[in-house]
N, C-alpha and C. Protein backbone atom coordinates (compact mmCIF):
# COMPACT_ATOMS: atom_id res chain seq x y z
N MET A 1 113.37 216.70 180.56
CA MET A 1 112.38 216.84 180.09
C MET A 1 111.15 215.33 179.88
N VAL A 2 110.27 215.02 180.42
CA VAL A 2 109.53 214.21 180.20
C VAL A 2 108.03 213.73 179.72
N ILE A 3 108.56 213.00 177.64
CA ILE A 3 107.82 213.58 177.44
C ILE A 3 106.22 211.57 177.66
N ILE A 4 105.66 211.42 177.85
CA ILE A 4 104.68 211.03 178.61
C ILE A 4 103.00 211.19 177.31
N TYR A 5 102.92 209.91 176.67
CA TYR A 5 101.68 209.41 175.36
C TYR A 5 100.54 209.47 176.54
N GLU A 6 99.53 210.00 176.47
CA GLU A 6 98.20 210.19 177.14
C GLU A 6 97.05 209.64 176.41
N ASP A 7 96.58 209.00 176.94
CA ASP A 7 94.94 208.85 175.94
C ASP A 7 93.46 208.30 177.44
N GLU A 8 92.80 208.66 176.90
CA GLU A 8 91.64 208.57 177.99
C GLU A 8 90.84 207.64 176.88
N ARG A 9 89.62 207.31 178.25
CA ARG A 9 88.56 206.23 177.62
C ARG A 9 87.22 206.10 178.47
N HIS A 10 86.08 206.99 177.96
CA HIS A 10 85.53 206.84 178.70
C HIS A 10 84.99 205.65 179.32
N ILE A 11 84.45 204.72 179.76
CA ILE A 11 83.19 202.76 180.24
C ILE A 11 82.89 203.13 180.47
N ARG A 12 80.72 202.93 180.32
CA ARG A 12 80.10 202.61 180.16
C ARG A 12 79.04 201.86 180.62
N ASP A 13 78.05 201.59 181.38
CA ASP A 13 77.29 200.40 181.68
C ASP A 13 76.41 200.00 180.68
N TYR A 14 76.22 200.31 179.99
CA TYR A 14 75.16 199.62 178.47
C TYR A 14 75.29 200.43 177.23
N GLN A 15 74.93 199.60 176.30
CA GLN A 15 75.83 199.35 175.38
C GLN A 15 75.04 200.61 174.53
N THR A 16 75.65 201.21 173.39
CA THR A 16 74.93 203.13 172.52
C THR A 16 74.68 201.82 171.60
N LEU A 17 73.16 202.68 171.13
CA LEU A 17 72.50 201.94 169.60
C LEU A 17 73.16 202.52 168.39
N ARG A 18 73.28 202.33 167.79
CA ARG A 18 73.99 202.04 166.51
C ARG A 18 73.41 202.33 165.28
N ALA A 19 72.89 201.02 164.78
CA ALA A 19 71.54 200.91 163.75
C ALA A 19 70.76 200.00 164.52
N THR A 20 69.21 199.85 163.89
CA THR A 20 69.20 198.17 163.74
C THR A 20 68.68 198.64 162.42
N TRP A 21 67.35 197.05 162.80
CA TRP A 21 66.91 196.55 162.09
C TRP A 21 65.07 197.06 162.44
N SER A 22 63.35 197.61 161.53
CA SER A 22 62.96 197.51 162.84
C SER A 22 62.08 197.77 161.10
N VAL A 23 60.36 197.26 161.20
CA VAL A 23 59.58 196.98 160.58
C VAL A 23 59.42 198.73 159.82
N LYS A 24 59.56 199.18 158.53
CA LYS A 24 59.39 200.54 157.84
C LYS A 24 57.94 201.66 158.27
N GLY A 25 58.83 202.22 158.50
CA GLY A 25 57.69 203.78 159.23
C GLY A 25 57.38 203.44 160.92
N ARG A 26 57.97 202.70 161.30
CA ARG A 26 57.96 202.50 162.23
C ARG A 26 59.38 202.09 163.51
N GLN A 27 59.40 203.20 164.77
CA GLN A 27 60.48 203.53 165.41
C GLN A 27 60.69 202.34 166.06
N LYS A 28 61.30 201.76 165.92
CA LYS A 28 62.34 200.80 166.83
C LYS A 28 62.15 201.17 168.63
N GLN A 29 62.35 200.13 169.64
CA GLN A 29 61.62 201.56 170.74
C GLN A 29 62.52 200.27 171.90
N ILE A 30 63.63 201.39 172.87
CA ILE A 30 65.01 200.21 173.36
C ILE A 30 64.48 200.83 174.47
N PRO A 31 64.75 199.94 175.72
CA PRO A 31 64.06 200.04 176.78
C PRO A 31 64.99 201.32 177.43
N THR A 32 65.08 201.53 178.01
CA THR A 32 66.56 201.05 179.08
C THR A 32 66.67 201.72 180.06
N TYR A 33 66.71 201.02 181.60
CA TYR A 33 67.26 200.66 182.59
C TYR A 33 67.85 201.34 183.92
N GLY A 34 66.83 202.82 185.11
CA GLY A 34 67.78 203.83 186.16
C GLY A 34 69.29 204.34 184.90
N HIS A 35 70.27 204.41 186.54
CA HIS A 35 71.08 204.86 186.09
C HIS A 35 71.84 204.49 185.44
N HIS A 36 72.67 205.06 184.34
CA HIS A 36 74.21 204.14 183.11
C HIS A 36 75.51 204.75 184.49
N ALA A 37 76.00 203.59 184.75
CA ALA A 37 77.26 204.67 185.07
C ALA A 37 78.30 204.69 184.71
N THR A 38 78.54 205.69 184.22
CA THR A 38 80.02 205.80 183.53
C THR A 38 81.27 206.38 184.65
N VAL A 39 82.59 205.68 183.96
CA VAL A 39 84.19 205.69 185.15
C VAL A 39 85.30 206.31 183.60
N SER A 40 85.63 207.20 183.64
CA SER A 40 87.08 207.87 182.74
C SER A 40 87.83 207.28 183.31
N LEU A 41 89.37 206.67 182.41
CA LEU A 41 89.38 206.51 182.76
C LEU A 41 90.72 207.00 181.89
N LEU A 42 92.13 207.16 182.88
CA LEU A 42 93.66 207.40 181.63
C LEU A 42 94.36 207.03 182.71
N GLY A 43 94.97 207.31 181.02
CA GLY A 43 96.19 206.27 181.57
C GLY A 43 97.80 207.13 180.49
N GLY A 44 98.91 206.65 180.56
CA GLY A 44 99.72 207.98 179.74
C GLY A 44 101.32 206.76 180.09
N VAL A 45 102.03 206.93 179.00
CA VAL A 45 103.21 206.02 179.41
C VAL A 45 104.34 207.30 179.27
N ASN A 46 105.25 206.55 180.09
CA ASN A 46 106.97 207.22 179.67
C ASN A 46 107.50 207.42 178.37
N ILE A 47 108.10 207.80 177.81
CA ILE A 47 108.68 207.36 176.43
C ILE A 47 109.46 206.63 176.59
N GLU A 48 110.52 207.13 177.78
CA GLU A 48 112.26 207.18 177.68
C GLU A 48 112.37 205.59 179.13
N THR A 49 111.29 205.65 179.29
CA THR A 49 111.80 203.86 180.88
C THR A 49 110.65 203.38 180.65
N GLY A 50 109.02 203.50 179.72
CA GLY A 50 108.13 202.76 179.55
C GLY A 50 107.34 202.33 180.84
N GLU A 51 107.58 203.43 181.30
CA GLU A 51 106.81 203.46 183.29
C GLU A 51 105.20 203.56 182.69
N PHE A 52 104.46 203.26 182.46
CA PHE A 52 102.63 203.08 182.82
C PHE A 52 102.50 204.05 183.87
N HIS A 53 101.13 205.18 183.55
CA HIS A 53 99.94 205.62 184.92
C HIS A 53 98.89 205.72 184.48
N ARG A 54 98.91 205.75 185.91
CA ARG A 54 96.54 205.42 185.48
C ARG A 54 95.77 206.22 186.50
N MET A 55 94.94 206.63 186.28
CA MET A 55 93.65 207.38 187.29
C MET A 55 92.68 207.01 186.46
N GLU A 56 91.78 205.99 187.46
CA GLU A 56 90.00 206.71 187.80
C GLU A 56 89.96 208.17 188.44
N THR A 57 88.62 208.59 187.33
CA THR A 57 87.69 208.72 188.01
C THR A 57 86.52 209.30 187.11
N ASN A 58 85.69 209.90 188.04
CA ASN A 58 84.45 210.15 188.34
C ASN A 58 84.17 211.04 186.83
N GLN A 59 85.26 212.11 186.60
CA GLN A 59 84.77 213.01 185.12
C GLN A 59 85.85 213.74 184.15
N CYS A 60 85.58 214.07 183.70
CA CYS A 60 86.57 214.61 182.81
C CYS A 60 86.51 215.99 182.00
N ASN A 61 86.73 216.40 182.35
CA ASN A 61 86.25 217.68 181.98
C ASN A 61 87.54 218.45 180.85
N ALA A 62 87.10 218.75 179.31
CA ALA A 62 88.59 218.82 178.51
C ALA A 62 88.86 220.36 179.16
N GLN A 63 90.35 220.41 177.99
CA GLN A 63 90.74 221.63 178.62
C GLN A 63 91.33 222.44 176.75
N VAL A 64 90.90 223.50 176.34
CA VAL A 64 91.57 223.85 174.53
C VAL A 64 92.97 224.71 175.39
C-alpha cells in the first residue's frame, strides 16, 4: 500500500478584493480588464520515499 498526502491550489492572475475603505454611502468601484486566467496545481508526497508528484490542469472538479 502506498500513502500519498495530496493538496491542490488554484492560482489566479488577479487579486481577490477582500476589504477596502470607501466614502460612507458610496460603493467602491474596482475596474477589471479582460479574461482572468486560472491554473490548478495538484501535488502529492509519498510518505515512505519522499517522492514528490505534481500535475498542472486547467480545470479541477471535486468528487465527494
